[in-house]
Amino acid sequence: GPFGGTQQARHVITGKTFQSLACGVATLVGEGLATDEVFVDRENALVVPQNSVEKLAESIRWAANNPQALRTIADNGRKLYEVKFSTVALGRLARPLIDSLES
């Protein structure tokens, strides 16, 4: 899974992550090559080391004890989704490629 110690877990951002961001809820992600590029712990997501049950539990406890900060994290995650992952954002990335095929 997304919190395991596998190579795959380190290289992907799961569909559930994008769905959570789009819904504007605080999102918990595992550290990895893919996630490190866009997520900042306690800023736009809760980021935990891969394969660490202790750190995962610690992050969940922190979230339970910090509802106000969690709301801010959720809002920032939603903004990140709009800028980087929404269909509009992806369309902006794809448009130049599509245009180059038409030439």
C-alpha atoms as a PDB file:
ATOM      1  CA  GLY A   1       0.000   0.000   0.000  1.00  0.00           C
ATOM      2  CA  PRO A   2       0.926   3.683  -0.033  1.00  0.00           C
ATOM      3  CA  PHE A   3       2.643   3.461   3.370  1.00  0.00           C
ATOM      4  CA  GLY A   4       4.607   0.263   2.747  1.00  0.00           C
ATOM      5  CA  GLY A   5       8.296  -0.011   2.142  1.00  0.00           C
ATOM      6  CA  THR A   6       8.058  -1.082  -1.501  1.00  0.00           C
ATOM      7  CA  GLN A   7       9.676   0.641  -4.469  1.00  0.00           C
ATOM      8  CA  GLN A   8       6.246   1.115  -6.029  1.00  0.00           C
ATOM      9  CA  ALA A   9       4.984   2.954  -2.942  1.00  0.00           C
ATOM     10  CA  ARG A  10       7.928   5.350  -3.224  1.00  0.00           C
ATOM     11  CA  HIS A  11       7.232   6.175  -6.880  1.00  0.00           C
ATOM     12  CA  VAL A  12       3.471   6.796  -7.053  1.00  0.00           C
ATOM     13  CA  ILE A  13       0.776   9.097  -5.771  1.00  0.00           C
ATOM     14  CA  THR A  14      -2.393   7.054  -5.339  1.00  0.00           C
ATOM     15  CA  GLY A  15      -5.744   7.887  -6.879  1.00  0.00           C
ATOM     16  CA  LYS A  16      -7.176   8.093  -3.355  1.00  0.00           C
ATOM     17  CA  THR A  17      -4.717  10.881  -2.613  1.00  0.00           C
ATOM     18  CA  PHE A  18      -6.001  12.955  -5.533  1.00  0.00           C
ATOM     19  CA  GLN A  19      -9.604  12.254  -4.501  1.00  0.00           C
ATOM     20  CA  SER A  20      -8.947  13.367  -0.916  1.00  0.00           C
ATOM     21  CA  LEU A  21      -7.249  16.559  -2.066  1.00  0.00           C
ATOM     22  CA  ALA A  22     -10.129  17.301  -4.456  1.00  0.00           C
ATOM     23  CA  CYS A  23     -12.627  16.841  -1.623  1.00  0.00           C
ATOM     24  CA  GLY A  24     -10.750  19.332   0.536  1.00  0.00           C
ATOM     25  CA  VAL A  25      -9.998  16.935   3.370  1.00  0.00           C
ATOM     26  CA  ALA A  26      -6.658  16.609   5.109  1.00  0.00           C
ATOM     27  CA  THR A  27      -4.639  13.973   3.315  1.00  0.00           C
ATOM     28  CA  LEU A  28      -2.096  11.537   4.733  1.00  0.00           C
ATOM     29  CA  VAL A  29       0.664  10.433   2.347  1.00  0.00           C
ATOM     30  CA  GLY A  30       3.796   8.331   2.584  1.00  0.00           C
ATOM     31  CA  GLU A  31       7.164   9.934   1.864  1.00  0.00           C
ATOM     32  CA  GLY A  32       8.503   9.018  -1.531  1.00  0.00           C
ATOM     33  CA  LEU A  33      10.062  10.261  -4.722  1.00  0.00           C
ATOM     34  CA  ALA A  34       6.673  11.233  -6.147  1.00  0.00           C
ATOM     35  CA  THR A  35       5.212  12.773  -3.000  1.00  0.00           C
ATOM     36  CA  ASP A  36       8.353  14.666  -1.970  1.00  0.00           C
ATOM     37  CA  GLU A  37       8.027  16.806  -5.095  1.00  0.00           C
ATOM     38  CA  VAL A  38       4.672  18.309  -4.078  1.00  0.00           C
ATOM     39  CA  PHE A  39       3.782  17.645  -0.448  1.00  0.00           C
ATOM     40  CA  VAL A  40       5.097  19.471   2.609  1.00  0.00           C
ATOM     41  CA  ASP A  41       4.341  17.904   5.987  1.00  0.00           C
ATOM     42  CA  ARG A  42       1.747  19.832   7.980  1.00  0.00           C
ATOM     43  CA  GLU A  43       1.462  22.424   5.235  1.00  0.00           C
ATOM     44  CA  ASN A  44      -0.587  20.760   2.464  1.00  0.00           C
ATOM     45  CA  ALA A  45      -0.687  17.141   3.701  1.00  0.00           C
ATOM     46  CA  LEU A  46       0.456  14.938   6.539  1.00  0.00           C
ATOM     47  CA  VAL A  47       3.602  13.222   5.278  1.00  0.00           C
ATOM     48  CA  VAL A  48       4.943  10.142   7.059  1.00  0.00           C
ATOM     49  CA  PRO A  49       7.994   7.971   6.415  1.00  0.00           C
ATOM     50  CA  GLN A  50       7.344   4.789   4.458  1.00  0.00           C
ATOM     51  CA  ASN A  51       7.086   1.551   6.399  1.00  0.00           C
ATOM     52  CA  SER A  52       6.819   3.189   9.837  1.00  0.00           C
ATOM     53  CA  VAL A  53       3.748   2.186  11.794  1.00  0.00           C
ATOM     54  CA  GLU A  54       4.948   4.313  14.711  1.00  0.00           C
ATOM     55  CA  LYS A  55       5.217   7.510  12.627  1.00  0.00           C
ATOM     56  CA  LEU A  56       1.876   6.803  10.974  1.00  0.00           C
ATOM     57  CA  ALA A  57       0.200   6.453  14.387  1.00  0.00           C
ATOM     58  CA  GLU A  58       1.997   9.571  15.640  1.00  0.00           C
ATOM     59  CA  SER A  59       0.711  11.592  12.685  1.00  0.00           C
ATOM     60  CA  ILE A  60      -2.855  10.379  13.243  1.00  0.00           C
ATOM     61  CA  ARG A  61      -2.648  11.307  16.937  1.00  0.00           C
ATOM     62  CA  TRP A  62      -1.296  14.745  16.013  1.00  0.00           C
ATOM     63  CA  ALA A  63      -4.206  15.221  13.593  1.00  0.00           C
ATOM     64  CA  ALA A  64      -6.744  14.269  16.259  1.00  0.00           C
ATOM     65  CA  ASN A  65      -5.253  16.829  18.647  1.00  0.00           C
ATOM     66  CA  ASN A  66      -4.923  19.680  16.132  1.00  0.00           C
ATOM     67  CA  PRO A  67      -8.251  20.149  14.330  1.00  0.00           C
ATOM     68  CA  GLN A  68      -7.622  23.813  13.480  1.00  0.00           C
ATOM     69  CA  ALA A  69      -4.246  23.092  11.875  1.00  0.00           C
ATOM     70  CA  LEU A  70      -5.824  20.122  10.095  1.00  0.00           C
ATOM     71  CA  ARG A  71      -8.396  22.454   8.502  1.00  0.00           C
ATOM     72  CA  THR A  72      -5.595  24.684   7.204  1.00  0.00           C
ATOM     73  CA  ILE A  73      -3.740  21.650   5.847  1.00  0.00           C
ATOM     74  CA  ALA A  74      -6.937  20.504   4.114  1.00  0.00           C
ATOM     75  CA  ASP A  75      -7.475  23.942   2.559  1.00  0.00           C
ATOM     76  CA  ASN A  76      -3.880  24.081   1.343  1.00  0.00           C
ATOM     77  CA  GLY A  77      -4.189  20.565  -0.067  1.00  0.00           C
ATOM     78  CA  ARG A  78      -7.289  21.600  -2.007  1.00  0.00           C
ATOM     79  CA  LYS A  79      -5.397  24.607  -3.424  1.00  0.00           C
ATOM     80  CA  LEU A  80      -2.538  22.310  -4.428  1.00  0.00           C
ATOM     81  CA  TYR A  81      -5.030  20.056  -6.208  1.00  0.00           C
ATOM     82  CA  GLU A  82      -6.479  22.986  -8.156  1.00  0.00           C
ATOM     83  CA  VAL A  83      -3.042  24.223  -9.247  1.00  0.00           C
ATOM     84  CA  LYS A  84      -1.338  20.901 -10.051  1.00  0.00           C
ATOM     85  CA  PHE A  85      -3.812  18.032 -10.394  1.00  0.00           C
ATOM     86  CA  SER A  86      -7.265  19.258 -11.471  1.00  0.00           C
ATOM     87  CA  THR A  87      -8.512  18.570 -14.987  1.00  0.00           C
ATOM     88  CA  VAL A  88      -7.926  22.248 -15.794  1.00  0.00           C
ATOM     89  CA  ALA A  89      -4.305  22.044 -14.579  1.00  0.00           C
ATOM     90  CA  LEU A  90      -3.681  18.815 -16.467  1.00  0.00           C
ATOM     91  CA  GLY A  91      -5.279  20.305 -19.578  1.00  0.00           C
ATOM     92  CA  ARG A  92      -2.858  23.235 -19.424  1.00  0.00           C
ATOM     93  CA  LEU A  93       0.018  20.746 -19.368  1.00  0.00           C
ATOM     94  CA  ALA A  94      -1.401  18.645 -22.189  1.00  0.00           C
ATOM     95  CA  ARG A  95      -2.401  21.504 -24.515  1.00  0.00           C
ATOM     96  CA  PRO A  96       1.101  22.217 -25.892  1.00  0.00           C
ATOM     97  CA  LEU A  97       1.603  18.510 -26.588  1.00  0.00           C
ATOM     98  CA  ILE A  98      -1.715  18.253 -28.381  1.00  0.00           C
ATOM     99  CA  ASP A  99      -0.990  21.407 -30.367  1.00  0.00           C
ATOM    100  CA  SER A 100       2.390  20.030 -31.439  1.00  0.00           C
ATOM    101  CA  LEU A 101       0.688  16.925 -32.859  1.00  0.00           C
ATOM    102  CA  GLU A 102      -1.634  19.049 -34.965  1.00  0.00           C
ATOM    103  CA  SER A 103       1.271  20.863 -36.659  1.00  0.00           C
END
